[in-house]
Amino acid sequence: MNSLLTPGLVPGLIPLADAEPGNQALTISLFTAVVAVTLYITWWASRQNKTAADYYAGGRSFSGAQNGLAVAGDYMSAASFLGISGQIALYGYDGFLYSIGFLVAWLVALLLVAELLRNSGRFTMADQLAFRMKQRPVRTAAATSTIVVSIFYLLAQMVGAGSLVGLLLGVTDSTVKAGVIVLVGALMIVYVTIGGMRGTTWVQIVKAVLLMTGTVLITFLVLLKFDFNLSKLLGAAADNSGKGDAFLQPGLLYGKDLVGQIDFLSLGLALVLGTAGLPHILIRFYTVPDSRSARRSVQWAIGLIGAFYLMTLALGFGAAALLDTGKDSAVAVSKGNVASPLLAEVVGGGAGSTGGAILLALIAAVAFATILAVVAGLTLASASSFAHDLYANVLAKGRVTEKDELRVARFAAIGIGAVAIGLAIPAQKLNIAFLVALAFAVAASANLPALLFNLFWKRFNTTGATWSIYGGLTSAVVLVIFSPVVSGSPTSMITGADFSWFPLSNPGIVSIPLGFLLGVVGTLVGKDRSSEDRYQELSVRALTGAGAEGAAKH
């Protein structure tokens, strides 16, 4: 991958590797401090982990406000802070659509999933499905989907880490960037194996506070430069982008032709429906003591996330107005992933200034904390599902001690981390908001149909659940593999080959309806009617929370 910091790509920008020793020392110190604080939190939390409920759900001891902060911290990932601002800086109006999609998605999670899932499950998404279905096939399908979605999401965070360190330390060697990805992977494994959900939650709370503080500061400084006049900011962004009024109108990224318009619709479907199927978000609702706290969690999260995504307007359009975003610029070369840190440097006083160096290092450290917290949550979700669903309930058929199950969860975290590291290295050239959108498409295709049918359709059965999960999952992944994301275009993961036959970059418009359709067809084809017997009991649990603690024990 090209250097993110070639002199001349951004006027006045100098790699920190060649900058004043004090500035580079500041950067390294802040990074070290972030890692040290998060590791201490993890160690502190690990001393309180004594049972499976402690490891998987933090002992269900977090308040609605605490969990709301943690949910926001989990959701406002590197894709939001780095990727969306970069998309806006490069594509204007079309880039901002990512912000809208991520925000609106929370209404689906609040109205359809959060409280009902908390009441009817125990540790993982599969607990809710397995309550009225046959345990082994449903848990196997749900665990497979959880791991695949988590790995897609993990790729985005790893790519963000490589971009950040490349920016801050002037790294040009792809091998060194790969080393950074390995380091982040190693840290996330430490967080999950030692701290579990309790440690991960506190890391996410701290990270959410840091991220909101940093975003507010940069937003204030950007608006200050334009006299708090949003129209003036947008005008400057349009002029500096070189695209004029087209920068503020649809069409730069999507909508140039019929395929582009369908691709945009596909992206919107994935973003709006995907949140309610994301495993690392779903398991967060199990960390609160009751359904009221689950509702309050989502309300707190919506407030924080809504404010954050509004501020991405200032981050993205501010970067477009104040940075070089041309074809050979650092922003363009990094696919927009370094726009926010570079903007922080400019509004702090510019390259070479003490203020610029401090703000650049501070924002980059916050972004790094963001990455560490989110990868920990993702790894915990997939490791928990592997240990609790596949190992304890499928392979061991429930004849396993909590100690053995937790040991398997820790080994699973190591394995999943290794896979994510291996896949992230060749994905470094992709925008991380785009990578997360793919994860949303897979989650909406595989998980959401089964969850909703299980909650609201009495006739739904095991065959329908497995067809829905496997069908949505397989179709989404296959369409991504044979899309321009992987091959056939200059920005593909594999540039030397072309085996793409699916024209859309996001598969949601095909795979999401297919996931719902296969759920219906599978249910009608399946002869098992035993799931109907427990539908009323599941409905009572979902609406009242009565007996929720034992929901997965039947």
Protein backbone atom coordinates (compact mmCIF):
# COMPACT_ATOMS: atom_id res chain seq x y z
CA MET A 1 0.00 0.00 0.00
CA ASN A 2 1.27 3.46 -0.81
CA SER A 3 2.56 5.72 1.90
CA LEU A 4 -0.21 7.71 3.55
CA LEU A 5 2.21 10.53 4.17
CA THR A 6 4.19 11.13 1.01
CA PRO A 7 5.37 14.77 1.25
CA GLY A 8 3.28 16.97 -0.98
CA LEU A 9 0.12 14.86 -0.82
CA VAL A 10 -1.28 17.21 1.80
CA PRO A 11 0.18 20.72 1.74
CA GLY A 12 2.57 21.21 4.63
CA LEU A 13 2.07 17.71 5.99
CA ILE A 14 5.18 15.98 7.27
CA PRO A 15 5.34 12.42 8.51
CA LEU A 16 5.75 12.26 12.25
CA ALA A 17 8.67 9.94 11.66
CA ASP A 18 10.47 12.97 10.18
CA ALA A 19 8.91 15.53 12.48
CA GLU A 20 10.27 16.96 15.69
CA PRO A 21 11.33 14.23 18.13
CA GLY A 22 9.10 15.77 20.79
CA ASN A 23 6.02 15.40 18.59
CA GLN A 24 6.75 11.78 17.83
CA ALA A 25 7.44 11.10 21.50
CA LEU A 26 4.07 12.68 22.35
CA THR A 27 2.31 10.41 19.88
CA ILE A 28 3.96 7.26 21.17
CA SER A 29 3.30 8.33 24.78
CA LEU A 30 -0.42 8.83 24.14
CA PHE A 31 -0.73 5.48 22.35
CA THR A 32 1.10 3.77 25.20
CA ALA A 33 -1.13 5.47 27.77
CA VAL A 34 -4.29 4.31 25.98
CA VAL A 35 -3.06 0.72 25.85
CA ALA A 36 -1.89 0.83 29.49
CA VAL A 37 -5.21 2.20 30.78
CA THR A 38 -7.29 -0.31 28.86
CA LEU A 39 -5.07 -3.19 29.98
CA TYR A 40 -5.39 -2.07 33.61
CA ILE A 41 -9.20 -1.92 33.29
CA THR A 42 -9.16 -5.42 31.82
CA TRP A 43 -7.01 -6.78 34.64
CA TRP A 44 -9.17 -5.07 37.28
CA ALA A 45 -12.35 -6.50 35.77
CA SER A 46 -10.87 -10.00 35.48
CA ARG A 47 -10.69 -10.30 39.28
CA GLN A 48 -14.49 -10.13 39.42
CA ASN A 49 -15.11 -12.86 36.82
CA LYS A 50 -16.15 -15.98 38.69
CA THR A 51 -19.06 -17.46 36.71
CA ALA A 52 -20.21 -17.80 33.12
CA ALA A 53 -22.68 -14.94 33.69
CA ASP A 54 -19.76 -12.74 34.75
CA TYR A 55 -17.71 -13.61 31.67
CA TYR A 56 -20.51 -13.53 29.08
CA ALA A 57 -22.79 -10.82 30.50
CA GLY A 58 -20.76 -8.88 33.07
CA GLY A 59 -22.84 -10.37 35.88
CA ARG A 60 -25.86 -8.42 34.51
CA SER A 61 -24.72 -5.64 36.80
CA PHE A 62 -24.60 -2.60 34.50
CA SER A 63 -27.18 0.17 34.68
CA GLY A 64 -29.07 1.45 31.65
CA ALA A 65 -26.84 4.53 31.43
CA GLN A 66 -23.63 2.52 31.74
CA ASN A 67 -24.74 0.00 29.15
CA GLY A 68 -25.97 2.81 26.90
CA LEU A 69 -22.48 4.31 26.96
CA ALA A 70 -20.98 0.90 26.26
CA VAL A 71 -23.41 0.24 23.39
CA ALA A 72 -22.54 3.63 21.91
CA GLY A 73 -18.86 2.83 22.38
CA ASP A 74 -19.35 -0.50 20.63
CA TYR A 75 -21.32 1.06 17.77
CA MET A 76 -19.26 4.21 17.16
CA SER A 77 -16.40 2.20 15.74
CA ALA A 78 -13.44 3.16 13.59
CA ALA A 79 -15.84 2.85 10.66
CA SER A 80 -17.82 5.78 12.03
CA PHE A 81 -15.00 8.00 13.24
CA LEU A 82 -12.55 7.34 10.42
CA GLY A 83 -14.51 5.74 7.60
CA ILE A 84 -17.64 7.89 7.42
CA SER A 85 -15.76 11.18 7.73
CA GLY A 86 -13.50 9.95 4.93
CA GLN A 87 -16.45 9.01 2.72
CA ILE A 88 -17.96 12.46 3.23
CA ALA A 89 -14.62 14.15 2.52
CA LEU A 90 -14.30 12.27 -0.77
CA TYR A 91 -17.91 11.96 -1.94
CA GLY A 92 -19.87 14.67 -0.11
CA TYR A 93 -23.62 14.01 -0.01
CA ASP A 94 -23.31 10.31 -0.83
CA GLY A 95 -20.81 9.82 1.98
CA PHE A 96 -23.16 11.40 4.52
CA LEU A 97 -25.76 8.76 3.68
CA TYR A 98 -23.70 6.32 5.76
CA SER A 99 -24.31 8.52 8.81
CA ILE A 100 -28.04 8.60 8.17
CA GLY A 101 -28.23 4.84 7.68
CA PHE A 102 -26.27 4.00 10.84
CA LEU A 103 -28.46 6.34 12.90
CA VAL A 104 -31.87 5.30 11.56
CA ALA A 105 -30.93 1.66 12.14
CA TRP A 106 -31.25 2.23 15.89
CA LEU A 107 -35.00 2.74 15.58
CA VAL A 108 -35.30 -0.84 14.30
CA ALA A 109 -33.17 -2.12 17.17
CA LEU A 110 -35.17 -0.15 19.75
CA LEU A 111 -38.66 -0.97 18.50
CA LEU A 112 -38.24 -4.61 17.47
CA VAL A 113 -35.32 -6.25 19.20
CA ALA A 114 -33.67 -4.74 22.30
CA GLU A 115 -36.20 -5.35 25.08
CA LEU A 116 -37.66 -8.56 23.62
CA LEU A 117 -34.25 -10.13 23.14
CA ARG A 118 -33.11 -9.22 26.67
CA ASN A 119 -36.21 -10.85 28.12
CA SER A 120 -36.15 -14.06 26.10
CA GLY A 121 -32.43 -14.89 25.88
CA ARG A 122 -29.53 -15.48 28.23
CA PHE A 123 -26.00 -15.08 26.80
CA THR A 124 -26.11 -15.27 22.97
CA MET A 125 -28.47 -14.69 20.07
CA ALA A 126 -28.90 -18.46 19.72
CA ASP A 127 -30.40 -18.72 23.23
CA GLN A 128 -33.47 -16.87 22.05
CA LEU A 129 -33.87 -19.09 18.98
CA ALA A 130 -33.14 -22.35 20.79
CA PHE A 131 -35.86 -21.69 23.40
CA ARG A 132 -38.54 -23.05 21.07
CA MET A 133 -36.47 -24.79 18.38
CA LYS A 134 -34.31 -27.90 18.26
CA GLN A 135 -31.09 -26.97 20.05
CA ARG A 136 -28.32 -28.44 17.93
CA PRO A 137 -29.19 -27.30 14.37
CA VAL A 138 -30.29 -23.82 15.43
CA ARG A 139 -27.31 -23.18 17.70
CA THR A 140 -24.90 -24.40 15.03
CA ALA A 141 -26.43 -22.07 12.44
CA ALA A 142 -26.54 -19.07 14.79
CA ALA A 143 -22.96 -19.57 15.96
CA THR A 144 -21.70 -19.85 12.37
CA SER A 145 -23.48 -16.63 11.42
CA THR A 146 -22.19 -14.82 14.52
CA ILE A 147 -18.58 -15.72 13.76
CA VAL A 148 -18.80 -14.73 10.07
CA VAL A 149 -20.45 -11.35 10.80
CA SER A 150 -17.93 -10.61 13.56
CA ILE A 151 -14.98 -11.36 11.27
CA PHE A 152 -16.33 -9.01 8.58
CA TYR A 153 -16.64 -6.27 11.20
CA LEU A 154 -13.21 -7.05 12.64
CA LEU A 155 -11.60 -6.48 9.23
CA ALA A 156 -12.72 -2.85 9.29
CA GLN A 157 -11.21 -2.19 12.71
CA MET A 158 -7.89 -3.80 11.76
CA VAL A 159 -7.65 -1.76 8.56
CA GLY A 160 -8.32 1.38 10.60
CA ALA A 161 -5.46 0.51 12.94
CA GLY A 162 -3.04 0.11 10.05
CA SER A 163 -4.07 3.45 8.56
CA LEU A 164 -3.67 5.27 11.88
CA VAL A 165 -0.19 4.04 12.63
CA GLY A 166 0.87 4.63 9.03
CA LEU A 167 -0.24 8.24 9.41
CA LEU A 168 1.32 8.90 12.78
CA LEU A 169 4.68 7.22 12.35
CA GLY A 170 5.21 7.79 8.64
CA VAL A 171 5.18 4.05 7.98
CA THR A 172 5.50 3.19 4.30
CA ASP A 173 6.35 -0.49 4.54
CA SER A 174 3.34 -2.78 4.19
CA THR A 175 5.10 -5.38 6.33
CA VAL A 176 5.27 -2.93 9.23
CA LYS A 177 1.58 -2.10 8.81
CA ALA A 178 0.83 -5.80 8.87
CA GLY A 179 2.77 -5.94 12.13
CA VAL A 180 0.49 -3.25 13.55
CA ILE A 181 -2.56 -5.34 12.64
CA VAL A 182 -1.00 -8.33 14.40
CA LEU A 183 -0.38 -6.18 17.49
CA VAL A 184 -4.01 -5.00 17.60
CA GLY A 185 -5.15 -8.59 17.20
CA ALA A 186 -2.94 -9.68 20.08
CA LEU A 187 -4.32 -6.92 22.31
CA MET A 188 -7.93 -7.81 21.55
CA ILE A 189 -7.23 -11.45 22.41
CA VAL A 190 -5.78 -10.32 25.76
CA TYR A 191 -8.84 -8.17 26.51
CA VAL A 192 -11.30 -10.98 25.79
CA THR A 193 -9.43 -13.88 27.39
CA ILE A 194 -8.71 -11.95 30.59
CA GLY A 195 -11.48 -9.39 31.04
CA GLY A 196 -14.55 -10.98 29.46
CA MET A 197 -17.70 -8.87 29.12
CA ARG A 198 -17.09 -6.90 32.31
CA GLY A 199 -13.64 -5.69 31.20
CA THR A 200 -14.79 -5.11 27.62
CA THR A 201 -17.77 -3.04 28.82
CA TRP A 202 -15.65 -0.72 30.96
CA VAL A 203 -13.16 -0.26 28.13
CA GLN A 204 -16.07 0.68 25.85
CA ILE A 205 -17.46 3.16 28.39
CA VAL A 206 -14.10 4.92 28.71
CA LYS A 207 -13.67 4.89 24.95
CA ALA A 208 -17.16 6.37 24.35
CA VAL A 209 -16.39 9.29 26.67
CA LEU A 210 -13.03 9.92 24.97
CA LEU A 211 -14.51 9.68 21.48
CA MET A 212 -17.40 12.04 22.19
CA THR A 213 -15.02 14.53 23.82
CA GLY A 214 -12.60 14.42 20.89
CA THR A 215 -15.39 14.72 18.31
CA VAL A 216 -16.98 17.69 20.09
CA LEU A 217 -13.59 19.42 20.23
CA ILE A 218 -12.83 18.95 16.52
CA THR A 219 -16.38 19.93 15.53
CA PHE A 220 -16.10 23.13 17.58
CA LEU A 221 -12.75 24.05 16.02
CA VAL A 222 -13.98 23.35 12.48
CA LEU A 223 -17.12 25.45 12.94
CA LEU A 224 -15.02 28.19 14.53
CA LYS A 225 -12.99 28.43 11.33
CA PHE A 226 -16.22 29.05 9.40
CA ASP A 227 -17.82 31.41 11.94
CA PHE A 228 -20.29 28.68 12.97
CA ASN A 229 -21.94 29.08 9.58
CA LEU A 230 -22.82 25.64 8.18
CA SER A 231 -23.65 27.06 4.75
CA LYS A 232 -20.20 28.65 4.57
CA LEU A 233 -18.60 25.32 5.53
CA LEU A 234 -20.52 23.39 2.87
CA GLY A 235 -19.69 25.99 0.22
CA ALA A 236 -15.99 25.84 1.05
CA ALA A 237 -16.09 22.04 0.95
CA ALA A 238 -17.75 22.04 -2.48
CA ASP A 239 -15.23 24.55 -3.85
CA ASN A 240 -12.15 22.83 -2.41
CA SER A 241 -13.29 19.40 -3.57
CA GLY A 242 -13.00 20.48 -7.20
CA LYS A 243 -16.46 19.05 -7.91
CA GLY A 244 -18.52 22.18 -7.27
CA ASP A 245 -22.24 21.84 -6.59
CA ALA A 246 -22.12 18.14 -7.54
CA PHE A 247 -20.32 17.54 -4.24
CA LEU A 248 -23.47 18.50 -2.34
CA GLN A 249 -25.82 16.47 -4.52
CA PRO A 250 -26.43 12.73 -4.96
CA GLY A 251 -24.43 10.83 -7.53
CA LEU A 252 -20.70 11.04 -6.85
CA LEU A 253 -20.54 7.59 -5.29
CA TYR A 254 -23.96 6.12 -6.06
CA GLY A 255 -26.66 6.87 -8.57
CA LYS A 256 -24.62 7.57 -11.70
CA ASP A 257 -26.55 4.84 -13.53
CA LEU A 258 -29.18 2.22 -12.78
CA VAL A 259 -26.63 -0.14 -11.21
CA GLY A 260 -25.39 2.67 -8.95
CA GLN A 261 -28.93 3.53 -7.87
CA ILE A 262 -29.70 -0.10 -7.04
CA ASP A 263 -26.38 -0.34 -5.19
CA PHE A 264 -27.37 2.67 -3.10
CA LEU A 265 -30.75 1.12 -2.26
CA SER A 266 -28.94 -2.09 -1.33
CA LEU A 267 -26.60 -0.17 0.98
CA GLY A 268 -29.52 1.62 2.65
CA LEU A 269 -31.34 -1.66 3.33
CA ALA A 270 -28.21 -3.17 4.86
CA LEU A 271 -27.50 -0.18 7.10
CA VAL A 272 -31.06 0.25 8.37
CA LEU A 273 -31.74 -3.44 9.04
CA GLY A 274 -28.25 -4.61 9.94
CA THR A 275 -27.89 -3.16 13.45
CA ALA A 276 -30.70 -5.31 14.84
CA GLY A 277 -28.79 -8.40 13.72
CA LEU A 278 -25.26 -7.53 14.83
CA PRO A 279 -24.13 -10.14 17.40
CA HIS A 280 -21.81 -7.83 19.38
CA ILE A 281 -24.65 -5.31 19.78
CA LEU A 282 -27.26 -7.95 20.63
CA ILE A 283 -25.26 -9.50 23.47
CA ARG A 284 -24.91 -6.09 25.09
CA PHE A 285 -28.59 -6.23 26.08
CA TYR A 286 -27.85 -9.23 28.32
CA THR A 287 -25.55 -7.16 30.57
CA VAL A 288 -28.42 -5.27 32.24
CA PRO A 289 -30.58 -6.63 35.08
CA ASP A 290 -34.02 -6.10 33.54
CA SER A 291 -35.98 -5.08 30.44
CA ARG A 292 -36.43 -1.50 31.66
CA SER A 293 -32.66 -1.12 31.76
CA ALA A 294 -32.46 -2.59 28.25
CA ARG A 295 -34.83 0.13 26.99
CA ARG A 296 -32.87 2.82 28.81
CA SER A 297 -29.66 1.45 27.29
CA VAL A 298 -30.98 1.99 23.78
CA GLN A 299 -32.33 5.44 24.65
CA TRP A 300 -28.95 6.53 26.00
CA ALA A 301 -27.24 5.01 22.98
CA ILE A 302 -29.56 6.78 20.52
CA GLY A 303 -28.86 10.15 22.16
CA LEU A 304 -25.10 9.71 22.06
CA ILE A 305 -25.01 8.14 18.62
CA GLY A 306 -27.38 10.74 17.17
CA ALA A 307 -25.20 13.59 18.40
CA PHE A 308 -22.08 11.86 17.10
CA TYR A 309 -23.42 11.26 13.60
CA LEU A 310 -24.59 14.85 13.33
CA MET A 311 -21.04 15.91 14.13
CA THR A 312 -19.70 13.73 11.30
CA LEU A 313 -21.08 16.51 9.07
CA ALA A 314 -18.44 18.86 10.48
CA LEU A 315 -15.72 16.20 10.38
CA GLY A 316 -16.35 15.11 6.80
CA PHE A 317 -17.17 18.42 5.17
CA GLY A 318 -14.50 20.11 7.30
CA ALA A 319 -11.94 17.69 5.89
CA ALA A 320 -13.23 18.39 2.37
CA ALA A 321 -12.91 22.13 2.95
CA LEU A 322 -9.52 22.21 4.68
CA LEU A 323 -7.58 19.24 3.26
CA ASP A 324 -6.39 18.20 -0.16
CA THR A 325 -8.71 15.39 -1.23
CA GLY A 326 -7.50 15.08 -4.82
CA LYS A 327 -6.67 11.82 -6.55
CA ASP A 328 -3.11 11.61 -5.21
CA SER A 329 -3.74 13.08 -1.77
CA ALA A 330 -3.17 11.29 1.53
CA VAL A 331 -6.94 11.24 2.12
CA ALA A 332 -7.66 9.64 -1.26
CA VAL A 333 -4.77 7.16 -1.06
CA SER A 334 -6.04 5.94 2.32
CA LYS A 335 -9.62 5.70 0.94
CA GLY A 336 -10.58 8.47 3.36
CA ASN A 337 -9.49 6.58 6.48
CA VAL A 338 -7.08 9.29 7.69
CA ALA A 339 -9.32 12.33 7.07
CA SER A 340 -10.30 12.88 10.73
CA PRO A 341 -6.74 12.77 12.18
CA LEU A 342 -5.43 15.05 9.43
CA LEU A 343 -8.31 17.46 10.03
CA ALA A 344 -7.41 17.51 13.73
CA GLU A 345 -3.86 18.51 12.81
CA VAL A 346 -5.05 21.35 10.58
CA VAL A 347 -7.56 22.85 13.04
CA GLY A 348 -4.99 22.50 15.84
CA GLY A 349 -2.60 24.87 14.09
CA GLY A 350 -1.32 23.00 11.07
CA ALA A 351 1.55 20.65 10.32
CA GLY A 352 4.71 21.38 12.29
CA SER A 353 2.89 23.32 15.00
CA THR A 354 2.75 22.14 18.59
CA GLY A 355 -1.04 22.47 18.69
CA GLY A 356 -1.41 20.49 15.48
CA ALA A 357 0.88 17.73 16.72
CA ILE A 358 -0.94 17.50 20.07
CA LEU A 359 -4.40 17.37 18.50
CA LEU A 360 -3.32 14.90 15.81
CA ALA A 361 -1.78 12.59 18.41
CA LEU A 362 -4.79 12.99 20.75
CA ILE A 363 -7.40 12.20 18.09
CA ALA A 364 -5.37 9.31 16.74
CA ALA A 365 -5.03 7.89 20.25
CA VAL A 366 -8.81 8.18 20.74
CA ALA A 367 -9.36 6.43 17.41
CA PHE A 368 -6.95 3.70 18.48
CA ALA A 369 -8.89 3.29 21.73
CA THR A 370 -12.03 3.04 19.60
CA ILE A 371 -10.52 0.22 17.59
CA LEU A 372 -9.32 -1.68 20.67
CA ALA A 373 -12.73 -1.49 22.36
CA VAL A 374 -14.73 -2.56 19.31
CA VAL A 375 -12.48 -5.47 18.36
CA ALA A 376 -12.74 -6.72 21.94
CA GLY A 377 -16.54 -6.63 21.78
CA LEU A 378 -16.62 -8.41 18.43
CA THR A 379 -14.19 -11.09 19.50
CA LEU A 380 -16.12 -11.67 22.73
CA ALA A 381 -19.39 -12.08 20.81
CA SER A 382 -17.98 -14.68 18.44
CA ALA A 383 -15.92 -16.53 21.08
CA SER A 384 -18.94 -16.67 23.42
CA SER A 385 -21.13 -18.07 20.66
CA PHE A 386 -18.54 -20.70 19.76
CA ALA A 387 -18.09 -21.84 23.37
CA HIS A 388 -21.68 -21.50 24.62
CA ASP A 389 -23.55 -22.62 21.50
CA LEU A 390 -21.26 -24.90 19.50
CA TYR A 391 -19.14 -26.46 22.23
CA ALA A 392 -21.37 -26.59 25.31
CA ASN A 393 -24.75 -27.23 23.69
CA VAL A 394 -23.94 -28.97 20.39
CA LEU A 395 -20.70 -30.91 20.80
CA ALA A 396 -20.91 -31.60 24.55
CA LYS A 397 -24.76 -31.73 24.50
CA GLY A 398 -24.97 -29.69 27.70
CA ARG A 399 -22.73 -32.04 29.69
CA VAL A 400 -20.01 -29.52 30.41
CA THR A 401 -18.89 -27.45 33.39
CA GLU A 402 -18.79 -23.67 33.37
CA LYS A 403 -15.02 -23.83 33.85
CA ASP A 404 -14.56 -25.94 30.71
CA GLU A 405 -16.89 -23.71 28.71
CA LEU A 406 -15.01 -20.56 29.68
CA ARG A 407 -11.69 -22.21 28.82
CA VAL A 408 -13.00 -23.03 25.34
CA ALA A 409 -14.23 -19.42 24.95
CA ARG A 410 -10.70 -18.15 25.60
CA PHE A 411 -9.18 -20.54 23.06
CA ALA A 412 -11.89 -19.54 20.55
CA ALA A 413 -10.93 -15.88 21.00
CA ILE A 414 -7.36 -16.73 20.01
CA GLY A 415 -8.49 -18.62 16.90
CA ILE A 416 -10.97 -15.97 15.76
CA GLY A 417 -8.38 -13.26 16.33
CA ALA A 418 -5.89 -15.13 14.16
CA VAL A 419 -8.40 -15.48 11.30
CA ALA A 420 -9.30 -11.77 11.48
CA ILE A 421 -5.62 -10.79 11.38
CA GLY A 422 -4.99 -12.98 8.34
CA LEU A 423 -7.91 -11.52 6.38
CA ALA A 424 -7.31 -7.88 7.39
CA ILE A 425 -3.82 -7.64 5.91
CA PRO A 426 -4.94 -7.87 2.24
CA ALA A 427 -8.01 -5.68 2.93
CA GLN A 428 -6.02 -2.55 3.83
CA LYS A 429 -6.92 -0.70 0.64
CA LEU A 430 -10.68 -0.70 1.36
CA ASN A 431 -12.60 2.05 3.14
CA ILE A 432 -13.55 0.83 6.59
CA ALA A 433 -17.08 2.26 6.57
CA PHE A 434 -17.65 0.26 3.41
CA LEU A 435 -16.32 -2.91 5.07
CA VAL A 436 -18.70 -2.44 7.99
CA ALA A 437 -21.60 -1.99 5.56
CA LEU A 438 -20.84 -5.49 4.28
CA ALA A 439 -21.02 -6.82 7.85
CA PHE A 440 -24.41 -5.10 8.22
CA ALA A 441 -25.62 -6.79 5.02
CA VAL A 442 -24.63 -10.24 6.29
CA ALA A 443 -26.22 -9.59 9.71
CA ALA A 444 -29.47 -8.34 8.18
CA SER A 445 -29.60 -11.30 5.78
CA ALA A 446 -28.79 -14.11 8.21
CA ASN A 447 -29.74 -13.04 11.75
CA LEU A 448 -32.60 -10.56 11.58
CA PRO A 449 -35.14 -12.74 9.70
CA ALA A 450 -34.73 -15.62 12.16
CA LEU A 451 -34.96 -13.34 15.21
CA LEU A 452 -38.11 -11.57 14.02
CA PHE A 453 -39.88 -14.72 12.81
CA ASN A 454 -39.10 -16.44 16.11
CA LEU A 455 -40.59 -13.57 18.10
CA PHE A 456 -43.66 -12.85 15.99
CA TRP A 457 -44.61 -15.99 13.98
CA LYS A 458 -46.09 -18.93 15.87
CA ARG A 459 -45.72 -21.36 12.92
CA PHE A 460 -41.96 -20.68 12.58
CA ASN A 461 -39.92 -23.84 13.16
CA THR A 462 -36.39 -25.26 13.18
CA THR A 463 -36.27 -25.85 9.42
CA GLY A 464 -37.30 -22.25 8.77
CA ALA A 465 -34.68 -20.94 11.20
CA THR A 466 -31.80 -22.92 9.69
CA TRP A 467 -32.83 -22.17 6.10
CA SER A 468 -33.13 -18.49 6.92
CA ILE A 469 -29.76 -18.24 8.66
CA TYR A 470 -27.74 -20.40 6.28
CA GLY A 471 -29.50 -19.07 3.18
CA GLY A 472 -29.09 -15.41 4.09
CA LEU A 473 -25.51 -15.94 5.25
CA THR A 474 -24.41 -17.94 2.21
CA SER A 475 -26.05 -15.66 -0.34
CA ALA A 476 -24.55 -12.53 1.22
CA VAL A 477 -21.02 -13.95 1.45
CA VAL A 478 -21.09 -15.52 -2.04
CA LEU A 479 -22.35 -12.31 -3.64
CA VAL A 480 -19.61 -10.32 -1.91
CA ILE A 481 -16.95 -12.77 -3.14
CA PHE A 482 -18.14 -12.43 -6.72
CA SER A 483 -18.63 -8.65 -6.55
CA PRO A 484 -16.29 -5.75 -7.44
CA VAL A 485 -15.32 -5.65 -3.75
CA VAL A 486 -13.06 -8.69 -4.18
CA SER A 487 -12.02 -8.54 -7.85
CA GLY A 488 -12.51 -6.76 -11.14
CA SER A 489 -11.79 -3.12 -10.22
CA PRO A 490 -8.73 -1.03 -9.28
CA THR A 491 -9.93 -0.80 -5.67
CA SER A 492 -10.70 -4.50 -5.22
CA MET A 493 -9.00 -6.65 -2.60
CA ILE A 494 -7.51 -8.75 -5.42
CA THR A 495 -6.37 -6.44 -8.18
CA GLY A 496 -4.78 -8.99 -10.49
CA ALA A 497 -7.91 -11.01 -11.19
CA ASP A 498 -11.49 -10.56 -12.32
CA PHE A 499 -14.05 -13.20 -11.35
CA SER A 500 -16.84 -10.75 -10.45
CA TRP A 501 -20.22 -11.42 -12.05
CA PHE A 502 -22.43 -9.71 -9.43
CA PRO A 503 -22.45 -5.97 -10.31
CA LEU A 504 -23.36 -4.52 -6.88
CA SER A 505 -20.85 -3.73 -4.14
CA ASN A 506 -23.42 -4.39 -1.42
CA PRO A 507 -25.48 -7.61 -1.61
CA GLY A 508 -28.29 -6.55 0.76
CA ILE A 509 -30.99 -5.95 -1.83
CA VAL A 510 -30.77 -9.62 -2.88
CA SER A 511 -29.61 -11.44 0.26
CA ILE A 512 -31.92 -9.76 2.81
CA PRO A 513 -35.23 -10.58 1.04
CA LEU A 514 -33.80 -14.04 0.32
CA GLY A 515 -33.14 -14.59 4.03
CA PHE A 516 -36.78 -13.75 4.85
CA LEU A 517 -38.12 -15.79 1.92
CA LEU A 518 -36.11 -18.89 2.87
CA GLY A 519 -37.39 -18.57 6.43
CA VAL A 520 -40.97 -18.72 5.14
CA VAL A 521 -40.31 -21.54 2.66
CA GLY A 522 -38.35 -23.59 5.19
CA THR A 523 -41.11 -23.23 7.75
CA LEU A 524 -43.78 -24.37 5.31
CA VAL A 525 -41.66 -27.28 4.08
CA GLY A 526 -40.65 -28.39 7.58
CA LYS A 527 -43.02 -30.83 9.26
CA ASP A 528 -41.94 -30.09 12.82
CA ARG A 529 -44.75 -28.33 14.72
CA SER A 530 -43.28 -28.73 18.22
CA SER A 531 -41.99 -25.15 18.18
CA GLU A 532 -45.59 -23.91 18.33
CA ASP A 533 -46.02 -25.43 21.78
CA ARG A 534 -43.60 -23.00 23.37
CA TYR A 535 -44.52 -19.90 21.37
CA GLN A 536 -46.89 -18.54 24.00
CA GLU A 537 -44.31 -19.03 26.73
CA LEU A 538 -41.67 -17.25 24.62
CA SER A 539 -44.09 -14.39 23.98
CA VAL A 540 -44.76 -13.98 27.70
CA ARG A 541 -41.02 -13.97 28.44
CA ALA A 542 -40.31 -11.49 25.66
CA LEU A 543 -43.00 -9.05 26.78
CA THR A 544 -42.64 -9.35 30.56
CA GLY A 545 -39.20 -10.80 31.28
CA ALA A 546 -40.74 -13.48 33.50
CA GLY A 547 -38.37 -16.43 33.78
CA ALA A 548 -35.81 -14.85 31.48
CA GLU A 549 -32.84 -16.06 33.52
CA GLY A 550 -33.70 -19.63 32.69
CA ALA A 551 -34.61 -19.04 29.07
CA ALA A 552 -31.68 -20.97 27.67
CA LYS A 553 -31.71 -23.83 30.15
CA HIS A 554 -34.67 -25.74 28.71
